Amino acid sequence: MIQIPDDEIQLSAIRSQGAGGQNVNKVSSAIHLRFDIPASSLPEPVKQRLLKMHDGRITVDGVVVIKAQNHRNQDKNRAEAIRRLNELVKSATQVRRKRVPTRPGVAARKRRLDAKKKRGSLKKLRTKPHE
């Protein structure tokens, strides 16, 4: 398991969106998390896999931006943002197995050709008879 040092994560409190009454305009309960992948202490292969990910939370510069605002409590939102970052990094630690291309078997090829012949004969029956 990879541990991310706290000094590499930037957390800032922002105002949350959505319902909440008057409280939503006064309290900054949402958390905006920023994590710079290239400048981090993660192992190089993990960094490369993270940067190659097509994830909307990763910017062009390689910065992970996570906004957590599900809870009304700032501490819960902070824990949620850190949990989401840990999940993202954990998904990059798992190396995908390379797909081994296979060819269709003899029986599968025969079934395919039989289906094509049957379909062709059905279409041949629809044509007008020759005089």
C-alpha atoms as a PDB file:
ATOM      1  CA  MET A   1       0.000   0.000   0.000  1.00  0.00           C
ATOM      2  CA  ILE A   2       1.326   3.420  -0.942  1.00  0.00           C
ATOM      3  CA  GLN A   3       1.135   6.196   1.627  1.00  0.00           C
ATOM      4  CA  ILE A   4       0.823   9.773   0.392  1.00  0.00           C
ATOM      5  CA  PRO A   5       2.533  12.322   2.678  1.00  0.00           C
ATOM      6  CA  ASP A   6       0.251  15.094   3.952  1.00  0.00           C
ATOM      7  CA  ASP A   7       2.612  17.834   2.744  1.00  0.00           C
ATOM      8  CA  GLU A   8       2.066  16.722  -0.901  1.00  0.00           C
ATOM      9  CA  ILE A   9      -1.710  17.251  -0.662  1.00  0.00           C
ATOM     10  CA  GLN A  10      -3.149  20.762  -0.814  1.00  0.00           C
ATOM     11  CA  LEU A  11      -6.529  21.098   0.885  1.00  0.00           C
ATOM     12  CA  SER A  12      -8.621  24.242   0.809  1.00  0.00           C
ATOM     13  CA  ALA A  13     -12.106  24.870   2.165  1.00  0.00           C
ATOM     14  CA  ILE A  14     -14.613  26.360  -0.262  1.00  0.00           C
ATOM     15  CA  ARG A  15     -18.309  27.100  -0.172  1.00  0.00           C
ATOM     16  CA  SER A  16     -20.468  24.140  -1.059  1.00  0.00           C
ATOM     17  CA  GLN A  17     -23.071  24.186  -3.828  1.00  0.00           C
ATOM     18  CA  GLY A  18     -26.684  23.193  -3.601  1.00  0.00           C
ATOM     19  CA  ALA A  19     -29.311  23.260  -0.880  1.00  0.00           C
ATOM     20  CA  GLY A  20     -28.490  24.195   2.671  1.00  0.00           C
ATOM     21  CA  GLY A  21     -30.491  27.308   3.442  1.00  0.00           C
ATOM     22  CA  GLN A  22     -28.767  30.389   4.818  1.00  0.00           C
ATOM     23  CA  ASN A  23     -25.941  28.253   6.160  1.00  0.00           C
ATOM     24  CA  VAL A  24     -24.659  27.467   2.646  1.00  0.00           C
ATOM     25  CA  ASN A  25     -23.742  31.125   2.096  1.00  0.00           C
ATOM     26  CA  LYS A  26     -21.785  31.447   5.342  1.00  0.00           C
ATOM     27  CA  VAL A  27     -19.892  28.197   5.908  1.00  0.00           C
ATOM     28  CA  SER A  28     -17.095  26.806   3.734  1.00  0.00           C
ATOM     29  CA  SER A  29     -17.798  23.113   4.221  1.00  0.00           C
ATOM     30  CA  ALA A  30     -16.682  21.730   0.831  1.00  0.00           C
ATOM     31  CA  ILE A  31     -13.066  20.646   0.324  1.00  0.00           C
ATOM     32  CA  HIS A  32     -10.969  21.277  -2.779  1.00  0.00           C
ATOM     33  CA  LEU A  33      -8.042  18.816  -2.924  1.00  0.00           C
ATOM     34  CA  ARG A  34      -5.057  19.251  -5.252  1.00  0.00           C
ATOM     35  CA  PHE A  35      -2.294  16.649  -5.711  1.00  0.00           C
ATOM     36  CA  ASP A  36       0.610  17.247  -8.103  1.00  0.00           C
ATOM     37  CA  ILE A  37       1.528  13.860  -9.617  1.00  0.00           C
ATOM     38  CA  PRO A  38       4.931  14.755 -11.199  1.00  0.00           C
ATOM     39  CA  ALA A  39       6.155  16.483  -8.026  1.00  0.00           C
ATOM     40  CA  SER A  40       4.979  13.687  -5.709  1.00  0.00           C
ATOM     41  CA  SER A  41       7.044  10.968  -4.038  1.00  0.00           C
ATOM     42  CA  LEU A  42       5.091   8.157  -5.716  1.00  0.00           C
ATOM     43  CA  PRO A  43       7.080   5.440  -7.505  1.00  0.00           C
ATOM     44  CA  GLU A  44       7.792   6.323 -11.153  1.00  0.00           C
ATOM     45  CA  PRO A  45       5.679   3.497 -12.701  1.00  0.00           C
ATOM     46  CA  VAL A  46       2.650   4.566 -10.633  1.00  0.00           C
ATOM     47  CA  LYS A  47       3.151   8.201 -11.705  1.00  0.00           C
ATOM     48  CA  GLN A  48       3.260   7.169 -15.371  1.00  0.00           C
ATOM     49  CA  ARG A  49       0.075   5.077 -15.064  1.00  0.00           C
ATOM     50  CA  LEU A  50      -1.713   7.932 -13.277  1.00  0.00           C
ATOM     51  CA  LEU A  51      -0.694  10.424 -15.967  1.00  0.00           C
ATOM     52  CA  LYS A  52      -1.869   8.047 -18.727  1.00  0.00           C
ATOM     53  CA  MET A  53      -5.314   7.654 -17.128  1.00  0.00           C
ATOM     54  CA  HIS A  54      -8.198   9.285 -18.962  1.00  0.00           C
ATOM     55  CA  ASP A  55      -9.772  10.627 -15.798  1.00  0.00           C
ATOM     56  CA  GLY A  56     -11.550  13.978 -15.753  1.00  0.00           C
ATOM     57  CA  ARG A  57     -10.072  14.769 -12.346  1.00  0.00           C
ATOM     58  CA  ILE A  58      -6.504  14.832 -13.730  1.00  0.00           C
ATOM     59  CA  THR A  59      -5.531  18.072 -15.487  1.00  0.00           C
ATOM     60  CA  VAL A  60      -3.194  18.417 -18.476  1.00  0.00           C
ATOM     61  CA  ASP A  61      -0.415  19.495 -16.078  1.00  0.00           C
ATOM     62  CA  GLY A  62      -0.782  16.245 -14.112  1.00  0.00           C
ATOM     63  CA  VAL A  63      -2.593  17.684 -11.101  1.00  0.00           C
ATOM     64  CA  VAL A  64      -5.412  15.692  -9.508  1.00  0.00           C
ATOM     65  CA  VAL A  65      -8.300  17.987  -8.528  1.00  0.00           C
ATOM     66  CA  ILE A  66     -10.998  16.517  -6.287  1.00  0.00           C
ATOM     67  CA  LYS A  67     -13.960  18.469  -4.922  1.00  0.00           C
ATOM     68  CA  ALA A  68     -15.789  16.848  -2.011  1.00  0.00           C
ATOM     69  CA  GLN A  69     -19.075  18.405  -0.938  1.00  0.00           C
ATOM     70  CA  ASN A  70     -21.346  15.467  -0.147  1.00  0.00           C
ATOM     71  CA  HIS A  71     -21.394  16.105   3.600  1.00  0.00           C
ATOM     72  CA  ARG A  72     -22.365  19.200   5.576  1.00  0.00           C
ATOM     73  CA  ASN A  73     -19.316  18.731   7.777  1.00  0.00           C
ATOM     74  CA  GLN A  74     -15.879  19.942   6.633  1.00  0.00           C
ATOM     75  CA  ASP A  75     -14.038  17.085   8.373  1.00  0.00           C
ATOM     76  CA  LYS A  76     -16.169  14.443   6.640  1.00  0.00           C
ATOM     77  CA  ASN A  77     -15.612  16.136   3.279  1.00  0.00           C
ATOM     78  CA  ARG A  78     -11.839  16.214   3.930  1.00  0.00           C
ATOM     79  CA  ALA A  79     -11.850  12.486   4.722  1.00  0.00           C
ATOM     80  CA  GLU A  80     -13.964  11.818   1.602  1.00  0.00           C
ATOM     81  CA  ALA A  81     -11.554  13.737  -0.659  1.00  0.00           C
ATOM     82  CA  ILE A  82      -8.510  11.913   0.742  1.00  0.00           C
ATOM     83  CA  ARG A  83     -10.309   8.566   0.391  1.00  0.00           C
ATOM     84  CA  ARG A  84     -11.075   9.319  -3.281  1.00  0.00           C
ATOM     85  CA  LEU A  85      -7.434  10.265  -3.913  1.00  0.00           C
ATOM     86  CA  ASN A  86      -6.257   7.035  -2.268  1.00  0.00           C
ATOM     87  CA  GLU A  87      -8.671   5.019  -4.454  1.00  0.00           C
ATOM     88  CA  LEU A  88      -7.328   6.719  -7.579  1.00  0.00           C
ATOM     89  CA  VAL A  89      -3.699   6.011  -6.627  1.00  0.00           C
ATOM     90  CA  LYS A  90      -4.564   2.436  -5.643  1.00  0.00           C
ATOM     91  CA  SER A  91      -6.159   1.835  -9.050  1.00  0.00           C
ATOM     92  CA  ALA A  92      -2.905   2.984 -10.682  1.00  0.00           C
ATOM     93  CA  THR A  93      -0.799   0.548  -8.629  1.00  0.00           C
ATOM     94  CA  GLN A  94      -2.513  -2.469 -10.185  1.00  0.00           C
ATOM     95  CA  VAL A  95      -0.787  -3.517 -13.397  1.00  0.00           C
ATOM     96  CA  ARG A  96      -3.200  -4.654 -16.094  1.00  0.00           C
ATOM     97  CA  ARG A  97      -2.537  -8.063 -17.652  1.00  0.00           C
ATOM     98  CA  LYS A  98      -1.702  -7.874 -21.331  1.00  0.00           C
ATOM     99  CA  ARG A  99      -4.476  -9.312 -23.495  1.00  0.00           C
ATOM    100  CA  VAL A 100      -3.445 -12.400 -25.434  1.00  0.00           C
ATOM    101  CA  PRO A 101      -5.228 -12.344 -28.803  1.00  0.00           C
ATOM    102  CA  THR A 102      -6.888 -15.651 -29.659  1.00  0.00           C
ATOM    103  CA  ARG A 103      -8.320 -17.051 -32.887  1.00  0.00           C
ATOM    104  CA  PRO A 104     -11.761 -18.592 -33.301  1.00  0.00           C
ATOM    105  CA  GLY A 105     -11.892 -22.376 -33.099  1.00  0.00           C
ATOM    106  CA  VAL A 106     -12.794 -24.739 -35.960  1.00  0.00           C
ATOM    107  CA  ALA A 107     -16.329 -25.363 -34.642  1.00  0.00           C
ATOM    108  CA  ALA A 108     -16.980 -21.609 -34.272  1.00  0.00           C
ATOM    109  CA  ARG A 109     -15.808 -20.989 -37.852  1.00  0.00           C
ATOM    110  CA  LYS A 110     -18.084 -23.797 -39.126  1.00  0.00           C
ATOM    111  CA  ARG A 111     -21.096 -22.384 -37.205  1.00  0.00           C
ATOM    112  CA  ARG A 112     -20.441 -18.928 -38.658  1.00  0.00           C
ATOM    113  CA  LEU A 113     -20.250 -20.220 -42.232  1.00  0.00           C
ATOM    114  CA  ASP A 114     -23.369 -22.380 -41.764  1.00  0.00           C
ATOM    115  CA  ALA A 115     -25.306 -19.346 -40.492  1.00  0.00           C
ATOM    116  CA  LYS A 116     -24.128 -17.326 -43.507  1.00  0.00           C
ATOM    117  CA  LYS A 117     -25.241 -20.076 -45.920  1.00  0.00           C
ATOM    118  CA  LYS A 118     -28.639 -20.374 -44.229  1.00  0.00           C
ATOM    119  CA  ARG A 119     -29.148 -16.590 -44.363  1.00  0.00           C
ATOM    120  CA  GLY A 120     -28.141 -16.547 -48.040  1.00  0.00           C
ATOM    121  CA  SER A 121     -30.589 -19.319 -48.923  1.00  0.00           C
ATOM    122  CA  LEU A 122     -33.410 -17.442 -47.128  1.00  0.00           C
ATOM    123  CA  LYS A 123     -32.653 -14.335 -49.166  1.00  0.00           C
ATOM    124  CA  LYS A 124     -32.492 -16.381 -52.370  1.00  0.00           C
ATOM    125  CA  LEU A 125     -36.086 -17.584 -51.710  1.00  0.00           C
ATOM    126  CA  ARG A 126     -37.299 -13.957 -51.747  1.00  0.00           C
ATOM    127  CA  THR A 127     -36.219 -13.326 -55.327  1.00  0.00           C
ATOM    128  CA  LYS A 128     -38.653 -13.606 -58.264  1.00  0.00           C
ATOM    129  CA  PRO A 129     -38.485 -16.934 -60.148  1.00  0.00           C
ATOM    130  CA  HIS A 130     -36.755 -17.020 -63.561  1.00  0.00           C
ATOM    131  CA  GLU A 131     -38.970 -17.582 -66.605  1.00  0.00           C
END
